Amino acid sequence: MKPVVSAMKAWSCTVMSVFAIIILTVLGVLFRSGHEELVGGIDDPADGKAVSKTVFSAVFVYIAFFVFCGLQGLLHIRENRRGAISL
């Protein structure tokens, strides 16, 4: 199986996805717990649990990106071990 994206794009996407998963998970947990800084003001959302569901759905999208891009990176490693020339 051949990689779809370049090695640099695959590894960049993988690293950014890890950071996005960590940051969005922390935000989702804070919204779910009703942290005062996030749901305590006048302009802030009243229903933190609904917001956390949306944030966690974005986390699942980034998990899919992480899996896809990580597999693409691993395909590049496997292809380089076979002696293929990359242009």
PDB file of N, CA and C in Angstrom:
ATOM      1  N   MET A   1       0.843  -1.174   0.000  1.00  0.00           N
ATOM      2  CA  MET A   1       0.000   0.000   0.000  1.00  0.00           C
ATOM      3  C   MET A   1       0.892   1.242   0.000  1.00  0.00           C
ATOM      4  N   LYS A   2       0.547   2.201  -0.827  1.00  0.00           N
ATOM      5  CA  LYS A   2       1.363   3.410  -0.940  1.00  0.00           C
ATOM      6  C   LYS A   2       0.755   4.533  -0.108  1.00  0.00           C
ATOM      7  N   PRO A   3       1.600   5.395   0.461  1.00  0.00           N
ATOM      8  CA  PRO A   3       1.105   6.548   1.218  1.00  0.00           C
ATOM      9  C   PRO A   3       0.394   7.548   0.308  1.00  0.00           C
ATOM     10  N   VAL A   4      -0.601   8.218   0.854  1.00  0.00           N
ATOM     11  CA  VAL A   4      -1.375   9.203   0.103  1.00  0.00           C
ATOM     12  C   VAL A   4      -0.755  10.591   0.228  1.00  0.00           C
ATOM     13  N   VAL A   5      -0.248  10.921   1.410  1.00  0.00           N
ATOM     14  CA  VAL A   5       0.346  12.234   1.650  1.00  0.00           C
ATOM     15  C   VAL A   5       1.848  12.084   1.879  1.00  0.00           C
ATOM     16  N   SER A   6       2.557  13.217   1.812  1.00  0.00           N
ATOM     17  CA  SER A   6       4.011  13.169   2.001  1.00  0.00           C
ATOM     18  C   SER A   6       4.340  12.880   3.459  1.00  0.00           C
ATOM     19  N   ALA A   7       5.587  12.499   3.685  1.00  0.00           N
ATOM     20  CA  ALA A   7       6.020  12.143   5.037  1.00  0.00           C
ATOM     21  C   ALA A   7       5.960  13.346   5.970  1.00  0.00           C
ATOM     22  N   MET A   8       6.376  14.508   5.498  1.00  0.00           N
ATOM     23  CA  MET A   8       6.360  15.709   6.339  1.00  0.00           C
ATOM     24  C   MET A   8       4.938  16.094   6.726  1.00  0.00           C
ATOM     25  N   LYS A   9       4.030  16.027   5.781  1.00  0.00           N
ATOM     26  CA  LYS A   9       2.634  16.353   6.087  1.00  0.00           C
ATOM     27  C   LYS A   9       2.040  15.327   7.048  1.00  0.00           C
ATOM     28  N   ALA A  10       2.378  14.076   6.879  1.00  0.00           N
ATOM     29  CA  ALA A  10       1.837  13.034   7.751  1.00  0.00           C
ATOM     30  C   ALA A  10       2.299  13.223   9.183  1.00  0.00           C
ATOM     31  N   TRP A  11       3.598  13.459   9.370  1.00  0.00           N
ATOM     32  CA  TRP A  11       4.106  13.619  10.736  1.00  0.00           C
ATOM     33  C   TRP A  11       3.673  14.948  11.345  1.00  0.00           C
ATOM     34  N   SER A  12       3.556  16.000  10.541  1.00  0.00           N
ATOM     35  CA  SER A  12       3.067  17.279  11.062  1.00  0.00           C
ATOM     36  C   SER A  12       1.623  17.152  11.525  1.00  0.00           C
ATOM     37  N   CYS A  13       0.818  16.489  10.732  1.00  0.00           N
ATOM     38  CA  CYS A  13      -0.584  16.272  11.098  1.00  0.00           C
ATOM     39  C   CYS A  13      -0.688  15.423  12.360  1.00  0.00           C
ATOM     40  N   THR A  14       0.178  14.447  12.498  1.00  0.00           N
ATOM     41  CA  THR A  14       0.161  13.586  13.678  1.00  0.00           C
ATOM     42  C   THR A  14       0.492  14.382  14.935  1.00  0.00           C
ATOM     43  N   VAL A  15       1.526  15.212  14.871  1.00  0.00           N
ATOM     44  CA  VAL A  15       1.928  16.001  16.035  1.00  0.00           C
ATOM     45  C   VAL A  15       0.856  17.027  16.395  1.00  0.00           C
ATOM     46  N   MET A  16       0.312  17.718  15.393  1.00  0.00           N
ATOM     47  CA  MET A  16      -0.738  18.704  15.676  1.00  0.00           C
ATOM     48  C   MET A  16      -1.992  18.035  16.232  1.00  0.00           C
ATOM     49  N   SER A  17      -2.286  16.847  15.753  1.00  0.00           N
ATOM     50  CA  SER A  17      -3.454  16.132  16.267  1.00  0.00           C
ATOM     51  C   SER A  17      -3.277  15.759  17.730  1.00  0.00           C
ATOM     52  N   VAL A  18      -2.062  15.370  18.129  1.00  0.00           N
ATOM     53  CA  VAL A  18      -1.809  15.037  19.532  1.00  0.00           C
ATOM     54  C   VAL A  18      -2.057  16.258  20.411  1.00  0.00           C
ATOM     55  N   PHE A  19      -1.501  17.415  20.004  1.00  0.00           N
ATOM     56  CA  PHE A  19      -1.708  18.623  20.788  1.00  0.00           C
ATOM     57  C   PHE A  19      -3.174  19.027  20.821  1.00  0.00           C
ATOM     58  N   ALA A  20      -3.879  18.902  19.707  1.00  0.00           N
ATOM     59  CA  ALA A  20      -5.296  19.253  19.674  1.00  0.00           C
ATOM     60  C   ALA A  20      -6.111  18.325  20.562  1.00  0.00           C
ATOM     61  N   ILE A  21      -5.787  17.050  20.574  1.00  0.00           N
ATOM     62  CA  ILE A  21      -6.502  16.095  21.422  1.00  0.00           C
ATOM     63  C   ILE A  21      -6.312  16.455  22.889  1.00  0.00           C
ATOM     64  N   ILE A  22      -5.079  16.785  23.272  1.00  0.00           N
ATOM     65  CA  ILE A  22      -4.807  17.122  24.668  1.00  0.00           C
ATOM     66  C   ILE A  22      -5.544  18.397  25.072  1.00  0.00           C
ATOM     67  N   ILE A  23      -5.410  19.448  24.269  1.00  0.00           N
ATOM     68  CA  ILE A  23      -6.011  20.742  24.607  1.00  0.00           C
ATOM     69  C   ILE A  23      -7.524  20.650  24.621  1.00  0.00           C
ATOM     70  N   LEU A  24      -8.116  20.036  23.602  1.00  0.00           N
ATOM     71  CA  LEU A  24      -9.579  19.950  23.550  1.00  0.00           C
ATOM     72  C   LEU A  24     -10.143  19.039  24.632  1.00  0.00           C
ATOM     73  N   THR A  25      -9.409  18.006  25.010  1.00  0.00           N
ATOM     74  CA  THR A  25      -9.869  17.153  26.103  1.00  0.00           C
ATOM     75  C   THR A  25      -9.908  17.928  27.413  1.00  0.00           C
ATOM     76  N   VAL A  26      -8.881  18.722  27.660  1.00  0.00           N
ATOM     77  CA  VAL A  26      -8.864  19.545  28.877  1.00  0.00           C
ATOM     78  C   VAL A  26     -10.022  20.538  28.859  1.00  0.00           C
ATOM     79  N   LEU A  27     -10.252  21.193  27.727  1.00  0.00           N
ATOM     80  CA  LEU A  27     -11.376  22.131  27.634  1.00  0.00           C
ATOM     81  C   LEU A  27     -12.720  21.430  27.816  1.00  0.00           C
ATOM     82  N   GLY A  28     -12.863  20.251  27.224  1.00  0.00           N
ATOM     83  CA  GLY A  28     -14.110  19.503  27.377  1.00  0.00           C
ATOM     84  C   GLY A  28     -14.369  19.106  28.819  1.00  0.00           C
ATOM     85  N   VAL A  29     -13.325  18.681  29.521  1.00  0.00           N
ATOM     86  CA  VAL A  29     -13.479  18.310  30.931  1.00  0.00           C
ATOM     87  C   VAL A  29     -13.846  19.537  31.762  1.00  0.00           C
ATOM     88  N   LEU A  30     -13.219  20.672  31.468  1.00  0.00           N
ATOM     89  CA  LEU A  30     -13.536  21.891  32.214  1.00  0.00           C
ATOM     90  C   LEU A  30     -14.966  22.355  31.958  1.00  0.00           C
ATOM     91  N   PHE A  31     -15.434  22.280  30.716  1.00  0.00           N
ATOM     92  CA  PHE A  31     -16.821  22.631  30.434  1.00  0.00           C
ATOM     93  C   PHE A  31     -17.788  21.666  31.112  1.00  0.00           C
ATOM     94  N   ARG A  32     -17.470  20.372  31.084  1.00  0.00           N
ATOM     95  CA  ARG A  32     -18.361  19.387  31.687  1.00  0.00           C
ATOM     96  C   ARG A  32     -18.470  19.582  33.191  1.00  0.00           C
ATOM     97  N   SER A  33     -17.361  19.954  33.825  1.00  0.00           N
ATOM     98  CA  SER A  33     -17.401  20.138  35.278  1.00  0.00           C
ATOM     99  C   SER A  33     -17.995  21.479  35.672  1.00  0.00           C
ATOM    100  N   GLY A  34     -18.264  22.347  34.704  1.00  0.00           N
ATOM    101  CA  GLY A  34     -18.861  23.644  35.002  1.00  0.00           C
ATOM    102  C   GLY A  34     -17.870  24.604  35.630  1.00  0.00           C
ATOM    103  N   HIS A  35     -16.650  24.570  35.160  1.00  0.00           N
ATOM    104  CA  HIS A  35     -15.601  25.436  35.707  1.00  0.00           C
ATOM    105  C   HIS A  35     -16.036  26.897  35.604  1.00  0.00           C
ATOM    106  N   GLU A  36     -15.811  27.635  36.667  1.00  0.00           N
ATOM    107  CA  GLU A  36     -16.320  29.005  36.774  1.00  0.00           C
ATOM    108  C   GLU A  36     -15.767  29.934  35.701  1.00  0.00           C
ATOM    109  N   GLU A  37     -14.531  29.752  35.306  1.00  0.00           N
ATOM    110  CA  GLU A  37     -13.936  30.616  34.282  1.00  0.00           C
ATOM    111  C   GLU A  37     -14.586  30.416  32.912  1.00  0.00           C
ATOM    112  N   LEU A  38     -15.145  29.260  32.674  1.00  0.00           N
ATOM    113  CA  LEU A  38     -15.702  28.971  31.353  1.00  0.00           C
ATOM    114  C   LEU A  38     -17.213  29.147  31.276  1.00  0.00           C
ATOM    115  N   VAL A  39     -17.923  28.913  32.351  1.00  0.00           N
ATOM    116  CA  VAL A  39     -19.389  29.002  32.291  1.00  0.00           C
ATOM    117  C   VAL A  39     -19.956  29.950  33.358  1.00  0.00           C
ATOM    118  N   GLY A  40     -19.127  30.773  33.969  1.00  0.00           N
ATOM    119  CA  GLY A  40     -19.602  31.597  35.064  1.00  0.00           C
ATOM    120  C   GLY A  40     -19.957  33.026  34.713  1.00  0.00           C
ATOM    121  N   GLY A  41     -19.620  33.506  33.508  1.00  0.00           N
ATOM    122  CA  GLY A  41     -19.866  34.895  33.164  1.00  0.00           C
ATOM    123  C   GLY A  41     -21.192  35.104  32.460  1.00  0.00           C
ATOM    124  N   ILE A  42     -21.487  36.370  32.169  1.00  0.00           N
ATOM    125  CA  ILE A  42     -22.745  36.725  31.510  1.00  0.00           C
ATOM    126  C   ILE A  42     -22.748  36.259  30.051  1.00  0.00           C
ATOM    127  N   ASP A  43     -21.621  36.438  29.361  1.00  0.00           N
ATOM    128  CA  ASP A  43     -21.541  36.086  27.940  1.00  0.00           C
ATOM    129  C   ASP A  43     -21.141  34.636  27.704  1.00  0.00           C
ATOM    130  N   ASP A  44     -20.883  33.900  28.749  1.00  0.00           N
ATOM    131  CA  ASP A  44     -20.466  32.514  28.619  1.00  0.00           C
ATOM    132  C   ASP A  44     -21.674  31.593  28.452  1.00  0.00           C
ATOM    133  N   PRO A  45     -21.467  30.394  27.889  1.00  0.00           N
ATOM    134  CA  PRO A  45     -22.598  29.478  27.699  1.00  0.00           C
ATOM    135  C   PRO A  45     -23.168  29.007  29.032  1.00  0.00           C
ATOM    136  N   ALA A  46     -24.478  28.842  29.068  1.00  0.00           N
ATOM    137  CA  ALA A  46     -25.141  28.413  30.304  1.00  0.00           C
ATOM    138  C   ALA A  46     -25.060  26.899  30.492  1.00  0.00           C
ATOM    139  N   ASP A  47     -25.094  26.154  29.389  1.00  0.00           N
ATOM    140  CA  ASP A  47     -25.090  24.696  29.468  1.00  0.00           C
ATOM    141  C   ASP A  47     -23.715  24.160  29.090  1.00  0.00           C
ATOM    142  N   GLY A  48     -22.867  23.964  30.082  1.00  0.00           N
ATOM    143  CA  GLY A  48     -21.506  23.489  29.835  1.00  0.00           C
ATOM    144  C   GLY A  48     -21.454  22.076  29.319  1.00  0.00           C
ATOM    145  N   LYS A  49     -22.435  21.244  29.695  1.00  0.00           N
ATOM    146  CA  LYS A  49     -22.433  19.846  29.239  1.00  0.00           C
ATOM    147  C   LYS A  49     -22.702  19.748  27.742  1.00  0.00           C
ATOM    148  N   ALA A  50     -23.551  20.618  27.216  1.00  0.00           N
ATOM    149  CA  ALA A  50     -23.805  20.610  25.775  1.00  0.00           C
ATOM    150  C   ALA A  50     -22.565  21.055  25.014  1.00  0.00           C
ATOM    151  N   VAL A  51     -21.867  22.045  25.557  1.00  0.00           N
ATOM    152  CA  VAL A  51     -20.641  22.512  24.915  1.00  0.00           C
ATOM    153  C   VAL A  51     -19.584  21.415  24.956  1.00  0.00           C
ATOM    154  N   SER A  52     -19.505  20.698  26.085  1.00  0.00           N
ATOM    155  CA  SER A  52     -18.499  19.641  26.198  1.00  0.00           C
ATOM    156  C   SER A  52     -18.760  18.511  25.206  1.00  0.00           C
ATOM    157  N   LYS A  53     -20.011  18.224  24.905  1.00  0.00           N
ATOM    158  CA  LYS A  53     -20.311  17.200  23.898  1.00  0.00           C
ATOM    159  C   LYS A  53     -19.773  17.613  22.530  1.00  0.00           C
ATOM    160  N   THR A  54     -19.926  18.895  22.208  1.00  0.00           N
ATOM    161  CA  THR A  54     -19.413  19.389  20.934  1.00  0.00           C
ATOM    162  C   THR A  54     -17.885  19.336  20.902  1.00  0.00           C
ATOM    163  N   VAL A  55     -17.269  19.710  22.011  1.00  0.00           N
ATOM    164  CA  VAL A  55     -15.804  19.683  22.086  1.00  0.00           C
ATOM    165  C   VAL A  55     -15.299  18.247  21.968  1.00  0.00           C
ATOM    166  N   PHE A  56     -15.982  17.321  22.627  1.00  0.00           N
ATOM    167  CA  PHE A  56     -15.538  15.925  22.545  1.00  0.00           C
ATOM    168  C   PHE A  56     -15.767  15.334  21.160  1.00  0.00           C
ATOM    169  N   SER A  57     -16.765  15.825  20.422  1.00  0.00           N
ATOM    170  CA  SER A  57     -16.916  15.359  19.041  1.00  0.00           C
ATOM    171  C   SER A  57     -15.738  15.844  18.193  1.00  0.00           C
ATOM    172  N   ALA A  58     -15.225  17.043  18.478  1.00  0.00           N
ATOM    173  CA  ALA A  58     -14.025  17.511  17.783  1.00  0.00           C
ATOM    174  C   ALA A  58     -12.818  16.666  18.172  1.00  0.00           C
ATOM    175  N   VAL A  59     -12.765  16.212  19.414  1.00  0.00           N
ATOM    176  CA  VAL A  59     -11.677  15.330  19.849  1.00  0.00           C
ATOM    177  C   VAL A  59     -11.698  14.035  19.039  1.00  0.00           C
ATOM    178  N   PHE A  60     -12.881  13.488  18.788  1.00  0.00           N
ATOM    179  CA  PHE A  60     -12.972  12.257  18.007  1.00  0.00           C
ATOM    180  C   PHE A  60     -12.524  12.471  16.561  1.00  0.00           C
ATOM    181  N   VAL A  61     -12.801  13.652  16.015  1.00  0.00           N
ATOM    182  CA  VAL A  61     -12.319  13.967  14.664  1.00  0.00           C
ATOM    183  C   VAL A  61     -10.795  14.008  14.650  1.00  0.00           C
ATOM    184  N   TYR A  62     -10.199  14.625  15.676  1.00  0.00           N
ATOM    185  CA  TYR A  62      -8.738  14.684  15.740  1.00  0.00           C
ATOM    186  C   TYR A  62      -8.134  13.309  16.012  1.00  0.00           C
ATOM    187  N   ILE A  63      -8.835  12.452  16.710  1.00  0.00           N
ATOM    188  CA  ILE A  63      -8.347  11.078  16.883  1.00  0.00           C
ATOM    189  C   ILE A  63      -8.313  10.364  15.529  1.00  0.00           C
ATOM    190  N   ALA A  64      -9.333  10.606  14.704  1.00  0.00           N
ATOM    191  CA  ALA A  64      -9.339  10.018  13.359  1.00  0.00           C
ATOM    192  C   ALA A  64      -8.176  10.564  12.528  1.00  0.00           C
ATOM    193  N   PHE A  65      -7.913  11.885  12.626  1.00  0.00           N
ATOM    194  CA  PHE A  65      -6.757  12.469  11.935  1.00  0.00           C
ATOM    195  C   PHE A  65      -5.465  11.838  12.423  1.00  0.00           C
ATOM    196  N   PHE A  66      -5.355  11.665  13.746  1.00  0.00           N
ATOM    197  CA  PHE A  66      -4.149  11.082  14.335  1.00  0.00           C
ATOM    198  C   PHE A  66      -3.910   9.671  13.802  1.00  0.00           C
ATOM    199  N   VAL A  67      -4.954   8.873  13.753  1.00  0.00           N
ATOM    200  CA  VAL A  67      -4.814   7.494  13.266  1.00  0.00           C
ATOM    201  C   VAL A  67      -4.435   7.487  11.785  1.00  0.00           C
ATOM    202  N   PHE A  68      -5.142   8.277  10.971  1.00  0.00           N
ATOM    203  CA  PHE A  68      -4.863   8.295   9.535  1.00  0.00           C
ATOM    204  C   PHE A  68      -3.450   8.794   9.256  1.00  0.00           C
ATOM    205  N   CYS A  69      -3.092   9.927   9.842  1.00  0.00           N
ATOM    206  CA  CYS A  69      -1.776  10.506   9.563  1.00  0.00           C
ATOM    207  C   CYS A  69      -0.657   9.656  10.152  1.00  0.00           C
ATOM    208  N   GLY A  70      -0.896   9.055  11.305  1.00  0.00           N
ATOM    209  CA  GLY A  70       0.107   8.165  11.887  1.00  0.00           C
ATOM    210  C   GLY A  70       0.346   6.957  11.011  1.00  0.00           C
ATOM    211  N   LEU A  71      -0.720   6.392  10.475  1.00  0.00           N
ATOM    212  CA  LEU A  71      -0.558   5.255   9.563  1.00  0.00           C
ATOM    213  C   LEU A  71       0.156   5.663   8.280  1.00  0.00           C
ATOM    214  N   GLN A  72      -0.117   6.878   7.800  1.00  0.00           N
ATOM    215  CA  GLN A  72       0.593   7.361   6.617  1.00  0.00           C
ATOM    216  C   GLN A  72       2.088   7.500   6.903  1.00  0.00           C
ATOM    217  N   GLY A  73       2.416   8.008   8.074  1.00  0.00           N
ATOM    218  CA  GLY A  73       3.825   8.120   8.454  1.00  0.00           C
ATOM    219  C   GLY A  73       4.493   6.763   8.562  1.00  0.00           C
ATOM    220  N   LEU A  74       3.778   5.806   9.141  1.00  0.00           N
ATOM    221  CA  LEU A  74       4.331   4.457   9.247  1.00  0.00           C
ATOM    222  C   LEU A  74       4.497   3.807   7.876  1.00  0.00           C
ATOM    223  N   LEU A  75       3.595   4.113   6.948  1.00  0.00           N
ATOM    224  CA  LEU A  75       3.761   3.611   5.583  1.00  0.00           C
ATOM    225  C   LEU A  75       5.025   4.181   4.937  1.00  0.00           C
ATOM    226  N   HIS A  76       5.331   5.441   5.220  1.00  0.00           N
ATOM    227  CA  HIS A  76       6.564   6.030   4.689  1.00  0.00           C
ATOM    228  C   HIS A  76       7.789   5.341   5.277  1.00  0.00           C
ATOM    229  N   ILE A  77       7.741   5.042   6.566  1.00  0.00           N
ATOM    230  CA  ILE A  77       8.875   4.344   7.189  1.00  0.00           C
ATOM    231  C   ILE A  77       9.044   2.964   6.567  1.00  0.00           C
ATOM    232  N   ARG A  78       7.940   2.263   6.384  1.00  0.00           N
ATOM    233  CA  ARG A  78       8.013   0.926   5.791  1.00  0.00           C
ATOM    234  C   ARG A  78       8.518   0.983   4.355  1.00  0.00           C
ATOM    235  N   GLU A  79       8.088   2.006   3.626  1.00  0.00           N
ATOM    236  CA  GLU A  79       8.520   2.143   2.244  1.00  0.00           C
ATOM    237  C   GLU A  79      10.017   2.461   2.163  1.00  0.00           C
ATOM    238  N   ASN A  80      10.520   3.273   3.097  1.00  0.00           N
ATOM    239  CA  ASN A  80      11.946   3.607   3.094  1.00  0.00           C
ATOM    240  C   ASN A  80      12.807   2.410   3.474  1.00  0.00           C
ATOM    241  N   ARG A  81      12.309   1.524   4.291  1.00  0.00           N
ATOM    242  CA  ARG A  81      13.078   0.329   4.660  1.00  0.00           C
ATOM    243  C   ARG A  81      13.224  -0.623   3.495  1.00  0.00           C
ATOM    244  N   ARG A  82      12.284  -0.580   2.575  1.00  0.00           N
ATOM    245  CA  ARG A  82      12.366  -1.466   1.400  1.00  0.00           C
ATOM    246  C   ARG A  82      13.329  -0.950   0.350  1.00  0.00           C
ATOM    247  N   GLY A  83      13.846   0.250   0.549  1.00  0.00           N
ATOM    248  CA  GLY A  83      14.786   0.798  -0.413  1.00  0.00           C
ATOM    249  C   GLY A  83      14.149   1.601  -1.518  1.00  0.00           C
ATOM    250  N   ALA A  84      12.918   2.026  -1.352  1.00  0.00           N
ATOM    251  CA  ALA A  84      12.270   2.822  -2.374  1.00  0.00           C
ATOM    252  C   ALA A  84      12.874   4.225  -2.383  1.00  0.00           C
ATOM    253  N   ILE A  85      12.946   4.801  -3.551  1.00  0.00           N
ATOM    254  CA  ILE A  85      13.495   6.146  -3.703  1.00  0.00           C
ATOM    255  C   ILE A  85      12.334   7.131  -3.649  1.00  0.00           C
ATOM    256  N   SER A  86      12.418   8.093  -2.746  1.00  0.00           N
ATOM    257  CA  SER A  86      11.367   9.100  -2.656  1.00  0.00           C
ATOM    258  C   SER A  86      11.817  10.355  -3.381  1.00  0.00           C
ATOM    259  N   LEU A  87      10.926  10.934  -4.128  1.00  0.00           N
ATOM    260  CA  LEU A  87      11.255  12.136  -4.892  1.00  0.00           C
ATOM    261  C   LEU A  87      10.714  13.356  -4.219  1.00  0.00           C
TER     262      LEU A  87
END
